[in-house]
Amino acid sequence: MSRPLFDKKEVESSNVKLQSFLKAVPYLTFSDTGLKNIAGRFGITLEELKEHIANFENENTGKGGQNA
């Protein structure tokens, strides 16, 4: 039996790290190359990173932050 590419704890840890990163730099703008590098750092695709960013922005809009 083969082992999955990432186990559940690894994925959860990566998601926590990505959320922490987005909280640390929520208002910066990155080039496409920068976004590709960030996605690679977290072991996800560019599309997945963009989805995470969109979700993060939706969750944090109107909560007293700069996006309010």
C-alpha atoms as a PDB file:
ATOM      1  CA  MET A   1       0.000   0.000   0.000  1.00  0.00           C
ATOM      2  CA  SER A   2       1.413   3.374  -0.987  1.00  0.00           C
ATOM      3  CA  ARG A   3       1.575   6.307   1.376  1.00  0.00           C
ATOM      4  CA  PRO A   4      -0.389   9.434   0.371  1.00  0.00           C
ATOM      5  CA  LEU A   5       1.724  12.298  -0.937  1.00  0.00           C
ATOM      6  CA  PHE A   6       0.801  14.400   2.123  1.00  0.00           C
ATOM      7  CA  ASP A   7      -0.780  13.140   5.304  1.00  0.00           C
ATOM      8  CA  LYS A   8      -3.570  15.063   7.044  1.00  0.00           C
ATOM      9  CA  LYS A   9      -1.253  16.616   9.662  1.00  0.00           C
ATOM     10  CA  GLU A  10       1.143  17.862   6.974  1.00  0.00           C
ATOM     11  CA  VAL A  11      -1.722  19.471   5.045  1.00  0.00           C
ATOM     12  CA  GLU A  12      -3.173  21.062   8.191  1.00  0.00           C
ATOM     13  CA  SER A  13       0.269  22.354   9.173  1.00  0.00           C
ATOM     14  CA  SER A  14       0.788  23.833   5.709  1.00  0.00           C
ATOM     15  CA  ASN A  15      -2.644  25.500   5.847  1.00  0.00           C
ATOM     16  CA  VAL A  16      -1.866  27.013   9.260  1.00  0.00           C
ATOM     17  CA  LYS A  17       1.474  28.316   7.983  1.00  0.00           C
ATOM     18  CA  LEU A  18      -0.199  29.770   4.882  1.00  0.00           C
ATOM     19  CA  GLN A  19      -2.889  31.485   6.988  1.00  0.00           C
ATOM     20  CA  SER A  20      -0.186  32.920   9.254  1.00  0.00           C
ATOM     21  CA  PHE A  21       1.686  34.191   6.204  1.00  0.00           C
ATOM     22  CA  LEU A  22      -1.441  35.837   4.779  1.00  0.00           C
ATOM     23  CA  LYS A  23      -2.145  37.503   8.127  1.00  0.00           C
ATOM     24  CA  ALA A  24       1.411  38.846   8.224  1.00  0.00           C
ATOM     25  CA  VAL A  25       1.304  40.351   4.722  1.00  0.00           C
ATOM     26  CA  PRO A  26      -2.383  40.936   3.956  1.00  0.00           C
ATOM     27  CA  TYR A  27      -1.996  44.162   2.006  1.00  0.00           C
ATOM     28  CA  LEU A  28       1.070  43.480  -0.113  1.00  0.00           C
ATOM     29  CA  THR A  29       0.831  42.981  -3.852  1.00  0.00           C
ATOM     30  CA  PHE A  30       2.906  40.236  -5.466  1.00  0.00           C
ATOM     31  CA  SER A  31       3.898  39.722  -9.086  1.00  0.00           C
ATOM     32  CA  ASP A  32       2.870  36.507 -10.839  1.00  0.00           C
ATOM     33  CA  THR A  33       6.389  35.190 -10.300  1.00  0.00           C
ATOM     34  CA  GLY A  34       6.177  36.057  -6.616  1.00  0.00           C
ATOM     35  CA  LEU A  35       2.845  34.255  -6.299  1.00  0.00           C
ATOM     36  CA  LYS A  36       4.279  31.187  -8.051  1.00  0.00           C
ATOM     37  CA  ASN A  37       7.211  31.188  -5.634  1.00  0.00           C
ATOM     38  CA  ILE A  38       4.902  31.496  -2.621  1.00  0.00           C
ATOM     39  CA  ALA A  39       2.703  28.669  -3.909  1.00  0.00           C
ATOM     40  CA  GLY A  40       5.796  26.513  -4.391  1.00  0.00           C
ATOM     41  CA  ARG A  41       6.974  27.309  -0.870  1.00  0.00           C
ATOM     42  CA  PHE A  42       3.697  26.000   0.542  1.00  0.00           C
ATOM     43  CA  GLY A  43       3.525  23.027  -1.836  1.00  0.00           C
ATOM     44  CA  ILE A  44       0.315  24.138  -3.552  1.00  0.00           C
ATOM     45  CA  THR A  45      -0.625  25.249  -7.050  1.00  0.00           C
ATOM     46  CA  LEU A  46      -0.954  28.876  -8.062  1.00  0.00           C
ATOM     47  CA  GLU A  47      -4.712  28.374  -8.404  1.00  0.00           C
ATOM     48  CA  GLU A  48      -4.923  26.968  -4.863  1.00  0.00           C
ATOM     49  CA  LEU A  49      -2.957  29.944  -3.529  1.00  0.00           C
ATOM     50  CA  LYS A  50      -5.294  32.373  -5.289  1.00  0.00           C
ATOM     51  CA  GLU A  51      -8.263  30.511  -3.766  1.00  0.00           C
ATOM     52  CA  HIS A  52      -6.689  30.764  -0.285  1.00  0.00           C
ATOM     53  CA  ILE A  53      -6.112  34.489  -0.808  1.00  0.00           C
ATOM     54  CA  ALA A  54      -9.704  35.038  -1.976  1.00  0.00           C
ATOM     55  CA  ASN A  55     -11.050  33.110   1.022  1.00  0.00           C
ATOM     56  CA  PHE A  56      -8.786  35.062   3.373  1.00  0.00           C
ATOM     57  CA  GLU A  57      -9.940  38.373   1.908  1.00  0.00           C
ATOM     58  CA  ASN A  58     -13.610  37.342   2.154  1.00  0.00           C
ATOM     59  CA  GLU A  59     -13.195  36.317   5.792  1.00  0.00           C
ATOM     60  CA  ASN A  60     -11.409  39.546   6.717  1.00  0.00           C
ATOM     61  CA  THR A  61     -13.437  42.117   4.786  1.00  0.00           C
ATOM     62  CA  GLY A  62     -15.567  44.298   7.012  1.00  0.00           C
ATOM     63  CA  LYS A  63     -14.038  43.171  10.302  1.00  0.00           C
ATOM     64  CA  GLY A  64     -12.407  46.482  11.147  1.00  0.00           C
ATOM     65  CA  GLY A  65      -9.315  45.859   9.076  1.00  0.00           C
ATOM     66  CA  GLN A  66      -7.896  47.916   6.262  1.00  0.00           C
ATOM     67  CA  ASN A  67     -10.301  46.213   3.821  1.00  0.00           C
ATOM     68  CA  ALA A  68     -13.327  47.505   5.740  1.00  0.00           C
END
